[in-house]
Amino acid sequence: MNFCVKILCVGKIKEDFYRAKLEEYRKSINKRVPFEIIELSDESIPANPNQSIMDKIKEKEGDKLLESINSRDFVVALCIEGKSTELQGMKKLIERARDNQNTSIIFVIGGSLGLDDRVIKRANYKLSFSNMTFPHQLMRVMLGEQIQKAVE
């Protein structure tokens, strides 16, 4: 069985400098373990949406994310209510997923409204980088760097 590491995210990176850095990490990680970045389309958010509309958008994005995850994947949801970890913890998380015969470890990053509760419930682990909010494109780059260091 081939184990791989994936970043599953909502939306595309628009900024060239983020794309270039993430591609650099992708190439480096791929030398050690198969690595893939899967970008799913995000839902458009109308101006001044109410909570019901925001919930529906998160639900639609959640459907797309859940369709991309299979039962043998170890899922790590990036969410503010998750646990923070150091590099050693990230290494152990990846090793744990591989040792448990998971097909892959998938780090899931939601859209600008966050992750649908169903995705968070599906997660095997909830990871928080900070109590602060970061742009989703930047979060991918930050995660890419941590994965690169964890698989070195």
C-alpha atoms as a PDB file:
ATOM      1  CA  MET A   1       0.000   0.000   0.000  1.00  0.00           C
ATOM      2  CA  ASN A   2       1.319   3.413  -0.941  1.00  0.00           C
ATOM      3  CA  PHE A   3       0.797   6.011   1.748  1.00  0.00           C
ATOM      4  CA  CYS A   4       0.542   9.654   0.702  1.00  0.00           C
ATOM      5  CA  VAL A   5       0.112  13.074   2.241  1.00  0.00           C
ATOM      6  CA  LYS A   6      -2.548  15.425   0.898  1.00  0.00           C
ATOM      7  CA  ILE A   7      -3.775  18.933   1.448  1.00  0.00           C
ATOM      8  CA  LEU A   8      -7.474  19.127   0.606  1.00  0.00           C
ATOM      9  CA  CYS A   9      -8.741  22.667   0.436  1.00  0.00           C
ATOM     10  CA  VAL A  10     -11.544  24.876  -0.774  1.00  0.00           C
ATOM     11  CA  GLY A  11     -10.670  27.574  -3.298  1.00  0.00           C
ATOM     12  CA  LYS A  12      -7.718  28.283  -5.535  1.00  0.00           C
ATOM     13  CA  ILE A  13      -4.573  30.220  -4.760  1.00  0.00           C
ATOM     14  CA  LYS A  14      -4.579  33.402  -6.816  1.00  0.00           C
ATOM     15  CA  GLU A  15      -1.291  34.978  -5.735  1.00  0.00           C
ATOM     16  CA  ASP A  16       1.743  33.878  -7.747  1.00  0.00           C
ATOM     17  CA  PHE A  17       4.138  34.122  -4.788  1.00  0.00           C
ATOM     18  CA  TYR A  18       1.993  31.721  -2.693  1.00  0.00           C
ATOM     19  CA  ARG A  19       1.662  29.311  -5.627  1.00  0.00           C
ATOM     20  CA  ALA A  20       5.416  29.366  -6.270  1.00  0.00           C
ATOM     21  CA  LYS A  21       6.299  28.682  -2.636  1.00  0.00           C
ATOM     22  CA  LEU A  22       3.743  25.884  -2.363  1.00  0.00           C
ATOM     23  CA  GLU A  23       5.108  24.306  -5.543  1.00  0.00           C
ATOM     24  CA  GLU A  24       8.602  24.430  -4.039  1.00  0.00           C
ATOM     25  CA  TYR A  25       7.328  22.577  -0.949  1.00  0.00           C
ATOM     26  CA  ARG A  26       5.403  20.086  -3.115  1.00  0.00           C
ATOM     27  CA  LYS A  27       8.553  19.127  -5.027  1.00  0.00           C
ATOM     28  CA  SER A  28      10.595  18.788  -1.845  1.00  0.00           C
ATOM     29  CA  ILE A  29       7.964  16.696  -0.030  1.00  0.00           C
ATOM     30  CA  ASN A  30       7.475  14.447  -3.076  1.00  0.00           C
ATOM     31  CA  LYS A  31      11.119  13.378  -2.794  1.00  0.00           C
ATOM     32  CA  ARG A  32      10.271  11.696   0.525  1.00  0.00           C
ATOM     33  CA  VAL A  33       6.581  10.778   0.336  1.00  0.00           C
ATOM     34  CA  PRO A  34       3.890  11.123  -2.351  1.00  0.00           C
ATOM     35  CA  PHE A  35       2.244  14.504  -1.812  1.00  0.00           C
ATOM     36  CA  GLU A  36      -0.780  16.044  -3.448  1.00  0.00           C
ATOM     37  CA  ILE A  37      -2.688  19.318  -3.173  1.00  0.00           C
ATOM     38  CA  ILE A  38      -6.354  19.085  -4.098  1.00  0.00           C
ATOM     39  CA  GLU A  39      -8.180  22.361  -4.619  1.00  0.00           C
ATOM     40  CA  LEU A  40     -11.969  22.210  -4.726  1.00  0.00           C
ATOM     41  CA  SER A  41     -14.086  25.048  -6.058  1.00  0.00           C
ATOM     42  CA  ASP A  42     -15.449  27.435  -3.478  1.00  0.00           C
ATOM     43  CA  GLU A  43     -18.999  28.740  -3.369  1.00  0.00           C
ATOM     44  CA  SER A  44     -19.569  32.397  -4.101  1.00  0.00           C
ATOM     45  CA  ILE A  45     -20.584  34.424  -1.082  1.00  0.00           C
ATOM     46  CA  PRO A  46     -23.113  37.203  -1.660  1.00  0.00           C
ATOM     47  CA  ALA A  47     -22.648  40.620  -0.093  1.00  0.00           C
ATOM     48  CA  ASN A  48     -23.953  40.733   3.478  1.00  0.00           C
ATOM     49  CA  PRO A  49     -25.054  37.095   3.755  1.00  0.00           C
ATOM     50  CA  ASN A  50     -27.187  36.062   6.713  1.00  0.00           C
ATOM     51  CA  GLN A  51     -26.311  33.081   8.909  1.00  0.00           C
ATOM     52  CA  SER A  52     -28.631  30.750   6.985  1.00  0.00           C
ATOM     53  CA  ILE A  53     -26.890  31.532   3.681  1.00  0.00           C
ATOM     54  CA  MET A  54     -23.442  31.131   5.270  1.00  0.00           C
ATOM     55  CA  ASP A  55     -24.484  27.761   6.714  1.00  0.00           C
ATOM     56  CA  LYS A  56     -25.710  26.588   3.289  1.00  0.00           C
ATOM     57  CA  ILE A  57     -22.415  27.653   1.685  1.00  0.00           C
ATOM     58  CA  LYS A  58     -20.409  25.772   4.328  1.00  0.00           C
ATOM     59  CA  GLU A  59     -22.665  22.751   3.824  1.00  0.00           C
ATOM     60  CA  LYS A  60     -22.100  22.745   0.040  1.00  0.00           C
ATOM     61  CA  GLU A  61     -18.341  23.084   0.502  1.00  0.00           C
ATOM     62  CA  GLY A  62     -18.503  20.370   3.180  1.00  0.00           C
ATOM     63  CA  ASP A  63     -20.237  18.036   0.705  1.00  0.00           C
ATOM     64  CA  LYS A  64     -17.369  18.512  -1.757  1.00  0.00           C
ATOM     65  CA  LEU A  65     -14.744  17.906   0.913  1.00  0.00           C
ATOM     66  CA  LEU A  66     -16.438  14.773   2.248  1.00  0.00           C
ATOM     67  CA  GLU A  67     -16.775  13.364  -1.284  1.00  0.00           C
ATOM     68  CA  SER A  68     -12.970  13.638  -1.618  1.00  0.00           C
ATOM     69  CA  ILE A  69     -12.281  11.650   1.562  1.00  0.00           C
ATOM     70  CA  ASN A  70     -12.492   7.877   1.777  1.00  0.00           C
ATOM     71  CA  SER A  71     -12.986   5.656   4.812  1.00  0.00           C
ATOM     72  CA  ARG A  72      -9.288   4.671   4.989  1.00  0.00           C
ATOM     73  CA  ASP A  73      -8.003   8.250   5.090  1.00  0.00           C
ATOM     74  CA  PHE A  74      -6.675   9.787   8.304  1.00  0.00           C
ATOM     75  CA  VAL A  75      -8.251  13.239   8.310  1.00  0.00           C
ATOM     76  CA  VAL A  76      -6.748  16.274  10.025  1.00  0.00           C
ATOM     77  CA  ALA A  77      -9.115  19.251  10.113  1.00  0.00           C
ATOM     78  CA  LEU A  78      -7.450  22.629  10.457  1.00  0.00           C
ATOM     79  CA  CYS A  79      -9.717  24.536  12.797  1.00  0.00           C
ATOM     80  CA  ILE A  80      -9.346  27.097  15.537  1.00  0.00           C
ATOM     81  CA  GLU A  81     -10.782  24.723  18.162  1.00  0.00           C
ATOM     82  CA  GLY A  82      -8.108  22.118  17.401  1.00  0.00           C
ATOM     83  CA  LYS A  83      -4.908  21.345  19.289  1.00  0.00           C
ATOM     84  CA  SER A  84      -1.672  23.122  18.524  1.00  0.00           C
ATOM     85  CA  THR A  85       1.476  21.085  18.109  1.00  0.00           C
ATOM     86  CA  GLU A  86       5.178  21.429  17.513  1.00  0.00           C
ATOM     87  CA  LEU A  87       7.155  19.898  14.663  1.00  0.00           C
ATOM     88  CA  GLN A  88       7.681  16.668  16.616  1.00  0.00           C
ATOM     89  CA  GLY A  89       3.908  16.380  17.047  1.00  0.00           C
ATOM     90  CA  MET A  90       3.395  16.853  13.303  1.00  0.00           C
ATOM     91  CA  LYS A  91       5.921  14.094  12.593  1.00  0.00           C
ATOM     92  CA  LYS A  92       4.121  11.772  15.029  1.00  0.00           C
ATOM     93  CA  LEU A  93       0.757  12.581  13.456  1.00  0.00           C
ATOM     94  CA  ILE A  94       1.998  11.583   9.990  1.00  0.00           C
ATOM     95  CA  GLU A  95       3.708   8.467  11.371  1.00  0.00           C
ATOM     96  CA  ARG A  96       0.538   7.504  13.261  1.00  0.00           C
ATOM     97  CA  ALA A  97      -1.541   7.725  10.091  1.00  0.00           C
ATOM     98  CA  ARG A  98       0.984   5.662   8.118  1.00  0.00           C
ATOM     99  CA  ASP A  99       1.429   3.059  10.882  1.00  0.00           C
ATOM    100  CA  ASN A 100      -2.356   2.619  11.214  1.00  0.00           C
ATOM    101  CA  GLN A 101      -2.471   1.472   7.574  1.00  0.00           C
ATOM    102  CA  ASN A 102      -4.354   4.560   6.422  1.00  0.00           C
ATOM    103  CA  THR A 103      -4.130   5.152   2.676  1.00  0.00           C
ATOM    104  CA  SER A 104      -3.296   8.787   3.276  1.00  0.00           C
ATOM    105  CA  ILE A 105      -3.253  11.616   5.745  1.00  0.00           C
ATOM    106  CA  ILE A 106      -5.399  14.460   4.513  1.00  0.00           C
ATOM    107  CA  PHE A 107      -5.036  17.948   5.957  1.00  0.00           C
ATOM    108  CA  VAL A 108      -8.339  19.739   5.309  1.00  0.00           C
ATOM    109  CA  ILE A 109      -8.591  23.519   5.002  1.00  0.00           C
ATOM    110  CA  GLY A 110     -12.079  24.977   4.599  1.00  0.00           C
ATOM    111  CA  GLY A 111     -13.194  28.002   2.659  1.00  0.00           C
ATOM    112  CA  SER A 112     -13.358  31.566   3.919  1.00  0.00           C
ATOM    113  CA  LEU A 113     -16.333  30.705   6.158  1.00  0.00           C
ATOM    114  CA  GLY A 114     -14.531  27.763   7.729  1.00  0.00           C
ATOM    115  CA  LEU A 115     -15.292  24.052   7.815  1.00  0.00           C
ATOM    116  CA  ASP A 116     -18.708  22.469   7.918  1.00  0.00           C
ATOM    117  CA  ASP A 117     -19.348  20.678  11.235  1.00  0.00           C
ATOM    118  CA  ARG A 118     -19.657  17.322   9.428  1.00  0.00           C
ATOM    119  CA  VAL A 119     -16.080  17.641   8.175  1.00  0.00           C
ATOM    120  CA  ILE A 120     -14.836  18.455  11.660  1.00  0.00           C
ATOM    121  CA  LYS A 121     -16.738  15.446  13.046  1.00  0.00           C
ATOM    122  CA  ARG A 122     -15.191  13.186  10.362  1.00  0.00           C
ATOM    123  CA  ALA A 123     -11.692  14.307  11.351  1.00  0.00           C
ATOM    124  CA  ASN A 124      -9.436  11.919  13.220  1.00  0.00           C
ATOM    125  CA  TYR A 125      -7.541  14.923  14.587  1.00  0.00           C
ATOM    126  CA  LYS A 126      -8.246  18.640  14.882  1.00  0.00           C
ATOM    127  CA  LEU A 127      -5.203  20.857  14.373  1.00  0.00           C
ATOM    128  CA  SER A 128      -4.910  24.543  15.188  1.00  0.00           C
ATOM    129  CA  PHE A 129      -2.007  26.696  14.095  1.00  0.00           C
ATOM    130  CA  SER A 130      -3.186  29.654  16.173  1.00  0.00           C
ATOM    131  CA  ASN A 131      -6.187  31.334  17.740  1.00  0.00           C
ATOM    132  CA  MET A 132      -5.719  34.005  15.100  1.00  0.00           C
ATOM    133  CA  THR A 133      -7.257  33.860  11.633  1.00  0.00           C
ATOM    134  CA  PHE A 134      -5.006  33.642   8.569  1.00  0.00           C
ATOM    135  CA  PRO A 135      -5.810  33.987   4.869  1.00  0.00           C
ATOM    136  CA  HIS A 136      -6.561  30.516   3.524  1.00  0.00           C
ATOM    137  CA  GLN A 137      -3.925  30.845   0.805  1.00  0.00           C
ATOM    138  CA  LEU A 138      -1.260  31.683   3.375  1.00  0.00           C
ATOM    139  CA  MET A 139      -2.422  28.802   5.575  1.00  0.00           C
ATOM    140  CA  ARG A 140      -1.657  26.354   2.752  1.00  0.00           C
ATOM    141  CA  VAL A 141       1.882  27.696   2.494  1.00  0.00           C
ATOM    142  CA  MET A 142       2.362  27.522   6.266  1.00  0.00           C
ATOM    143  CA  LEU A 143       1.033  23.957   6.315  1.00  0.00           C
ATOM    144  CA  GLY A 144       3.222  23.005   3.352  1.00  0.00           C
ATOM    145  CA  GLU A 145       6.303  24.181   5.201  1.00  0.00           C
ATOM    146  CA  GLN A 146       5.385  22.176   8.306  1.00  0.00           C
ATOM    147  CA  ILE A 147       4.735  19.032   6.279  1.00  0.00           C
ATOM    148  CA  GLN A 148       8.075  19.482   4.503  1.00  0.00           C
ATOM    149  CA  LYS A 149       9.912  19.740   7.814  1.00  0.00           C
ATOM    150  CA  ALA A 150       7.970  16.795   9.293  1.00  0.00           C
ATOM    151  CA  VAL A 151       8.930  14.409   6.488  1.00  0.00           C
ATOM    152  CA  GLU A 152      12.625  15.424   6.275  1.00  0.00           C
END
